[in-house]
């Protein structure tokens, strides 16, 4: 049985991207934990509600003007 020899471009960029995502996520989680935010849902859900409300109000006013 032959051992697999990696070829150029065998997913090194994907691996680096995953590692950078883990590093950035880890660095972002530390200040959020000190604020008492332990779940990403505690940030995303209000952000989507705020964005949706702003879009709704903007859409109504764009029809009026």
PDB file of N, CA and C in Angstrom:
ATOM      1  N   UNK A   1       0.841  -1.174   0.000  1.00  0.00           N
ATOM      2  CA  UNK A   1       0.000   0.000   0.000  1.00  0.00           C
ATOM      3  C   UNK A   1       0.887   1.239   0.000  1.00  0.00           C
ATOM      4  N   UNK A   2       0.617   2.137  -0.949  1.00  0.00           N
ATOM      5  CA  UNK A   2       1.429   3.345  -1.060  1.00  0.00           C
ATOM      6  C   UNK A   2       0.882   4.430  -0.132  1.00  0.00           C
ATOM      7  N   UNK A   3       1.774   5.225   0.399  1.00  0.00           N
ATOM      8  CA  UNK A   3       1.361   6.368   1.187  1.00  0.00           C
ATOM      9  C   UNK A   3       0.966   7.504   0.257  1.00  0.00           C
ATOM     10  N   UNK A   4      -0.023   8.280   0.685  1.00  0.00           N
ATOM     11  CA  UNK A   4      -0.463   9.419  -0.116  1.00  0.00           C
ATOM     12  C   UNK A   4       0.551  10.545  -0.001  1.00  0.00           C
ATOM     13  N   UNK A   5       0.971  11.053  -1.133  1.00  0.00           N
ATOM     14  CA  UNK A   5       1.884  12.195  -1.150  1.00  0.00           C
ATOM     15  C   UNK A   5       1.076  13.436  -1.522  1.00  0.00           C
ATOM     16  N   UNK A   6       1.053  14.404  -0.628  1.00  0.00           N
ATOM     17  CA  UNK A   6       0.270  15.603  -0.924  1.00  0.00           C
ATOM     18  C   UNK A   6       0.800  16.324  -2.168  1.00  0.00           C
ATOM     19  N   UNK A   7      -0.129  16.811  -2.947  1.00  0.00           N
ATOM     20  CA  UNK A   7       0.226  17.565  -4.141  1.00  0.00           C
ATOM     21  C   UNK A   7      -0.003  19.045  -3.859  1.00  0.00           C
ATOM     22  N   UNK A   8       0.495  19.862  -4.743  1.00  0.00           N
ATOM     23  CA  UNK A   8       0.353  21.302  -4.562  1.00  0.00           C
ATOM     24  C   UNK A   8      -1.132  21.685  -4.627  1.00  0.00           C
ATOM     25  N   UNK A   9      -1.576  22.448  -3.623  1.00  0.00           N
ATOM     26  CA  UNK A   9      -2.956  22.915  -3.593  1.00  0.00           C
ATOM     27  C   UNK A   9      -3.952  21.887  -3.109  1.00  0.00           C
ATOM     28  N   UNK A  10      -3.549  20.999  -2.230  1.00  0.00           N
ATOM     29  CA  UNK A  10      -4.451  19.957  -1.714  1.00  0.00           C
ATOM     30  C   UNK A  10      -5.269  20.419  -0.516  1.00  0.00           C
ATOM     31  N   UNK A  11      -5.713  21.633  -0.509  1.00  0.00           N
ATOM     32  CA  UNK A  11      -6.571  22.087   0.575  1.00  0.00           C
ATOM     33  C   UNK A  11      -5.858  22.864   1.660  1.00  0.00           C
ATOM     34  N   UNK A  12      -4.644  23.304   1.391  1.00  0.00           N
ATOM     35  CA  UNK A  12      -3.917  24.086   2.386  1.00  0.00           C
ATOM     36  C   UNK A  12      -4.637  25.413   2.635  1.00  0.00           C
ATOM     37  N   UNK A  13      -5.182  26.011   1.581  1.00  0.00           N
ATOM     38  CA  UNK A  13      -5.895  27.286   1.744  1.00  0.00           C
ATOM     39  C   UNK A  13      -7.147  27.092   2.598  1.00  0.00           C
ATOM     40  N   UNK A  14      -7.831  25.980   2.416  1.00  0.00           N
ATOM     41  CA  UNK A  14      -9.012  25.699   3.226  1.00  0.00           C
ATOM     42  C   UNK A  14      -8.631  25.504   4.685  1.00  0.00           C
ATOM     43  N   UNK A  15      -7.568  24.786   4.919  1.00  0.00           N
ATOM     44  CA  UNK A  15      -7.096  24.562   6.282  1.00  0.00           C
ATOM     45  C   UNK A  15      -6.707  25.873   6.951  1.00  0.00           C
ATOM     46  N   UNK A  16      -6.013  26.732   6.229  1.00  0.00           N
ATOM     47  CA  UNK A  16      -5.621  28.030   6.779  1.00  0.00           C
ATOM     48  C   UNK A  16      -6.862  28.873   7.070  1.00  0.00           C
ATOM     49  N   UNK A  17      -7.855  28.829   6.200  1.00  0.00           N
ATOM     50  CA  UNK A  17      -9.095  29.573   6.419  1.00  0.00           C
ATOM     51  C   UNK A  17      -9.840  29.103   7.651  1.00  0.00           C
ATOM     52  N   UNK A  18      -9.897  27.797   7.852  1.00  0.00           N
ATOM     53  CA  UNK A  18     -10.562  27.239   9.028  1.00  0.00           C
ATOM     54  C   UNK A  18      -9.825  27.651  10.300  1.00  0.00           C
ATOM     55  N   UNK A  19      -8.504  27.558  10.270  1.00  0.00           N
ATOM     56  CA  UNK A  19      -7.724  27.949  11.445  1.00  0.00           C
ATOM     57  C   UNK A  19      -7.868  29.435  11.756  1.00  0.00           C
ATOM     58  N   UNK A  20      -7.920  30.274  10.731  1.00  0.00           N
ATOM     59  CA  UNK A  20      -8.112  31.710  10.963  1.00  0.00           C
ATOM     60  C   UNK A  20      -9.502  31.983  11.533  1.00  0.00           C
ATOM     61  N   UNK A  21     -10.508  31.261  11.053  1.00  0.00           N
ATOM     62  CA  UNK A  21     -11.858  31.417  11.594  1.00  0.00           C
ATOM     63  C   UNK A  21     -11.944  31.022  13.060  1.00  0.00           C
ATOM     64  N   UNK A  22     -11.277  29.942  13.420  1.00  0.00           N
ATOM     65  CA  UNK A  22     -11.253  29.513  14.816  1.00  0.00           C
ATOM     66  C   UNK A  22     -10.533  30.546  15.674  1.00  0.00           C
ATOM     67  N   UNK A  23      -9.433  31.074  15.175  1.00  0.00           N
ATOM     68  CA  UNK A  23      -8.676  32.076  15.925  1.00  0.00           C
ATOM     69  C   UNK A  23      -9.479  33.356  16.118  1.00  0.00           C
ATOM     70  N   UNK A  24     -10.114  33.839  15.058  1.00  0.00           N
ATOM     71  CA  UNK A  24     -10.915  35.070  15.155  1.00  0.00           C
ATOM     72  C   UNK A  24     -12.130  34.839  16.063  1.00  0.00           C
ATOM     73  N   UNK A  25     -12.782  33.709  15.926  1.00  0.00           N
ATOM     74  CA  UNK A  25     -13.916  33.397  16.797  1.00  0.00           C
ATOM     75  C   UNK A  25     -13.508  33.312  18.258  1.00  0.00           C
ATOM     76  N   UNK A  26     -12.354  32.726  18.517  1.00  0.00           N
ATOM     77  CA  UNK A  26     -11.861  32.660  19.891  1.00  0.00           C
ATOM     78  C   UNK A  26     -11.542  34.023  20.453  1.00  0.00           C
ATOM     79  N   UNK A  27     -10.944  34.880  19.622  1.00  0.00           N
ATOM     80  CA  UNK A  27     -10.612  36.225  20.087  1.00  0.00           C
ATOM     81  C   UNK A  27     -11.858  37.070  20.303  1.00  0.00           C
ATOM     82  N   UNK A  28     -12.905  36.862  19.511  1.00  0.00           N
ATOM     83  CA  UNK A  28     -14.138  37.609  19.691  1.00  0.00           C
ATOM     84  C   UNK A  28     -14.942  37.110  20.893  1.00  0.00           C
ATOM     85  N   UNK A  29     -14.792  35.852  21.235  1.00  0.00           N
ATOM     86  CA  UNK A  29     -15.595  35.310  22.326  1.00  0.00           C
ATOM     87  C   UNK A  29     -15.120  35.783  23.688  1.00  0.00           C
ATOM     88  N   UNK A  30     -13.841  36.119  23.833  1.00  0.00           N
ATOM     89  CA  UNK A  30     -13.323  36.514  25.145  1.00  0.00           C
ATOM     90  C   UNK A  30     -13.976  37.797  25.652  1.00  0.00           C
ATOM     91  N   UNK A  31     -14.031  38.902  24.860  1.00  0.00           N
ATOM     92  CA  UNK A  31     -14.702  40.089  25.394  1.00  0.00           C
ATOM     93  C   UNK A  31     -16.207  39.891  25.578  1.00  0.00           C
ATOM     94  N   UNK A  32     -16.822  39.057  24.747  1.00  0.00           N
ATOM     95  CA  UNK A  32     -18.255  38.824  24.891  1.00  0.00           C
ATOM     96  C   UNK A  32     -18.568  38.036  26.160  1.00  0.00           C
ATOM     97  N   UNK A  33     -17.682  37.127  26.536  1.00  0.00           N
ATOM     98  CA  UNK A  33     -17.894  36.380  27.771  1.00  0.00           C
ATOM     99  C   UNK A  33     -17.810  37.287  28.987  1.00  0.00           C
ATOM    100  N   UNK A  34     -16.951  38.297  28.922  1.00  0.00           N
ATOM    101  CA  UNK A  34     -16.854  39.223  30.054  1.00  0.00           C
ATOM    102  C   UNK A  34     -18.109  40.084  30.161  1.00  0.00           C
ATOM    103  N   UNK A  35     -18.826  40.273  29.052  1.00  0.00           N
ATOM    104  CA  UNK A  35     -20.077  41.028  29.083  1.00  0.00           C
ATOM    105  C   UNK A  35     -21.273  40.157  29.453  1.00  0.00           C
ATOM    106  N   UNK A  36     -21.047  38.866  29.609  1.00  0.00           N
ATOM    107  CA  UNK A  36     -22.119  37.957  29.982  1.00  0.00           C
ATOM    108  C   UNK A  36     -22.853  37.360  28.802  1.00  0.00           C
ATOM    109  N   UNK A  37     -22.339  37.544  27.597  1.00  0.00           N
ATOM    110  CA  UNK A  37     -22.964  36.969  26.397  1.00  0.00           C
ATOM    111  C   UNK A  37     -22.280  35.635  26.122  1.00  0.00           C
ATOM    112  N   UNK A  38     -23.016  34.558  26.337  1.00  0.00           N
ATOM    113  CA  UNK A  38     -22.410  33.233  26.190  1.00  0.00           C
ATOM    114  C   UNK A  38     -22.854  32.520  24.921  1.00  0.00           C
ATOM    115  N   UNK A  39     -23.814  33.091  24.201  1.00  0.00           N
ATOM    116  CA  UNK A  39     -24.328  32.428  23.009  1.00  0.00           C
ATOM    117  C   UNK A  39     -24.385  33.424  21.859  1.00  0.00           C
ATOM    118  N   UNK A  40     -24.113  32.946  20.672  1.00  0.00           N
ATOM    119  CA  UNK A  40     -24.174  33.803  19.493  1.00  0.00           C
ATOM    120  C   UNK A  40     -25.601  34.243  19.205  1.00  0.00           C
ATOM    121  N   UNK A  41     -26.578  33.445  19.638  1.00  0.00           N
ATOM    122  CA  UNK A  41     -27.989  33.810  19.437  1.00  0.00           C
ATOM    123  C   UNK A  41     -28.351  35.093  20.172  1.00  0.00           C
ATOM    124  N   UNK A  42     -27.686  35.359  21.276  1.00  0.00           N
ATOM    125  CA  UNK A  42     -27.969  36.566  22.038  1.00  0.00           C
ATOM    126  C   UNK A  42     -27.542  37.824  21.287  1.00  0.00           C
ATOM    127  N   UNK A  43     -26.739  37.663  20.259  1.00  0.00           N
ATOM    128  CA  UNK A  43     -26.321  38.798  19.428  1.00  0.00           C
ATOM    129  C   UNK A  43     -27.098  38.813  18.118  1.00  0.00           C
ATOM    130  N   UNK A  44     -27.225  37.638  17.488  1.00  0.00           N
ATOM    131  CA  UNK A  44     -27.798  37.575  16.147  1.00  0.00           C
ATOM    132  C   UNK A  44     -29.289  37.880  16.102  1.00  0.00           C
ATOM    133  N   UNK A  45     -30.049  37.350  17.036  1.00  0.00           N
ATOM    134  CA  UNK A  45     -31.500  37.538  16.995  1.00  0.00           C
ATOM    135  C   UNK A  45     -31.873  39.013  17.121  1.00  0.00           C
ATOM    136  N   UNK A  46     -31.355  39.749  18.118  1.00  0.00           N
ATOM    137  CA  UNK A  46     -31.682  41.188  18.161  1.00  0.00           C
ATOM    138  C   UNK A  46     -31.160  41.949  16.946  1.00  0.00           C
ATOM    139  N   UNK A  47     -30.006  41.539  16.416  1.00  0.00           N
ATOM    140  CA  UNK A  47     -29.468  42.226  15.244  1.00  0.00           C
ATOM    141  C   UNK A  47     -30.399  42.050  14.045  1.00  0.00           C
ATOM    142  N   UNK A  48     -30.952  40.848  13.861  1.00  0.00           N
ATOM    143  CA  UNK A  48     -31.871  40.627  12.753  1.00  0.00           C
ATOM    144  C   UNK A  48     -33.177  41.390  12.943  1.00  0.00           C
ATOM    145  N   UNK A  49     -33.663  41.462  14.177  1.00  0.00           N
ATOM    146  CA  UNK A  49     -34.880  42.232  14.438  1.00  0.00           C
ATOM    147  C   UNK A  49     -34.659  43.717  14.159  1.00  0.00           C
ATOM    148  N   UNK A  50     -33.519  44.250  14.598  1.00  0.00           N
ATOM    149  CA  UNK A  50     -33.229  45.670  14.376  1.00  0.00           C
ATOM    150  C   UNK A  50     -33.075  45.950  12.887  1.00  0.00           C
ATOM    151  N   UNK A  51     -32.332  45.093  12.182  1.00  0.00           N
ATOM    152  CA  UNK A  51     -32.131  45.273  10.751  1.00  0.00           C
ATOM    153  C   UNK A  51     -33.465  45.180  10.004  1.00  0.00           C
ATOM    154  N   UNK A  52     -34.307  44.225  10.386  1.00  0.00           N
ATOM    155  CA  UNK A  52     -35.612  44.077   9.734  1.00  0.00           C
ATOM    156  C   UNK A  52     -36.515  45.273   9.992  1.00  0.00           C
ATOM    157  N   UNK A  53     -36.501  45.802  11.223  1.00  0.00           N
ATOM    158  CA  UNK A  53     -37.321  46.967  11.538  1.00  0.00           C
ATOM    159  C   UNK A  53     -36.867  48.193  10.752  1.00  0.00           C
ATOM    160  N   UNK A  54     -35.550  48.387  10.657  1.00  0.00           N
ATOM    161  CA  UNK A  54     -35.028  49.521   9.890  1.00  0.00           C
ATOM    162  C   UNK A  54     -35.397  49.375   8.411  1.00  0.00           C
ATOM    163  N   UNK A  55     -35.321  48.164   7.884  1.00  0.00           N
ATOM    164  CA  UNK A  55     -35.687  47.929   6.483  1.00  0.00           C
ATOM    165  C   UNK A  55     -37.170  48.179   6.255  1.00  0.00           C
ATOM    166  N   UNK A  56     -38.001  47.756   7.208  1.00  0.00           N
ATOM    167  CA  UNK A  56     -39.440  47.964   7.094  1.00  0.00           C
ATOM    168  C   UNK A  56     -39.776  49.457   7.094  1.00  0.00           C
ATOM    169  N   UNK A  57     -39.212  50.193   8.033  1.00  0.00           N
ATOM    170  CA  UNK A  57     -39.475  51.625   8.121  1.00  0.00           C
ATOM    171  C   UNK A  57     -38.948  52.335   6.871  1.00  0.00           C
ATOM    172  N   UNK A  58     -37.774  51.963   6.416  1.00  0.00           N
ATOM    173  CA  UNK A  58     -37.208  52.553   5.205  1.00  0.00           C
ATOM    174  C   UNK A  58     -38.050  52.258   3.978  1.00  0.00           C
ATOM    175  N   UNK A  59     -38.596  51.042   3.918  1.00  0.00           N
ATOM    176  CA  UNK A  59     -39.456  50.685   2.791  1.00  0.00           C
ATOM    177  C   UNK A  59     -40.752  51.463   2.783  1.00  0.00           C
ATOM    178  N   UNK A  60     -41.308  51.689   3.972  1.00  0.00           N
ATOM    179  CA  UNK A  60     -42.552  52.472   4.058  1.00  0.00           C
ATOM    180  C   UNK A  60     -42.295  53.919   3.641  1.00  0.00           C
ATOM    181  N   UNK A  61     -41.217  54.493   4.156  1.00  0.00           N
ATOM    182  CA  UNK A  61     -40.934  55.880   3.815  1.00  0.00           C
ATOM    183  C   UNK A  61     -40.505  56.066   2.362  1.00  0.00           C
ATOM    184  N   UNK A  62     -39.907  55.053   1.759  1.00  0.00           N
ATOM    185  CA  UNK A  62     -39.521  55.185   0.357  1.00  0.00           C
ATOM    186  C   UNK A  62     -40.770  55.196  -0.546  1.00  0.00           C
ATOM    187  N   UNK A  63     -41.848  54.537  -0.113  1.00  0.00           N
ATOM    188  CA  UNK A  63     -43.091  54.549  -0.886  1.00  0.00           C
ATOM    189  C   UNK A  63     -43.833  55.862  -0.733  1.00  0.00           C
ATOM    190  N   UNK A  64     -43.644  56.529   0.413  1.00  0.00           N
ATOM    191  CA  UNK A  64     -44.347  57.779   0.663  1.00  0.00           C
ATOM    192  C   UNK A  64     -43.709  58.974  -0.037  1.00  0.00           C
ATOM    193  N   UNK A  65     -42.408  58.910  -0.223  1.00  0.00           N
ATOM    194  CA  UNK A  65     -41.708  60.066  -0.806  1.00  0.00           C
ATOM    195  C   UNK A  65     -41.620  59.994  -2.305  1.00  0.00           C
TER     196      UNK A  65
END
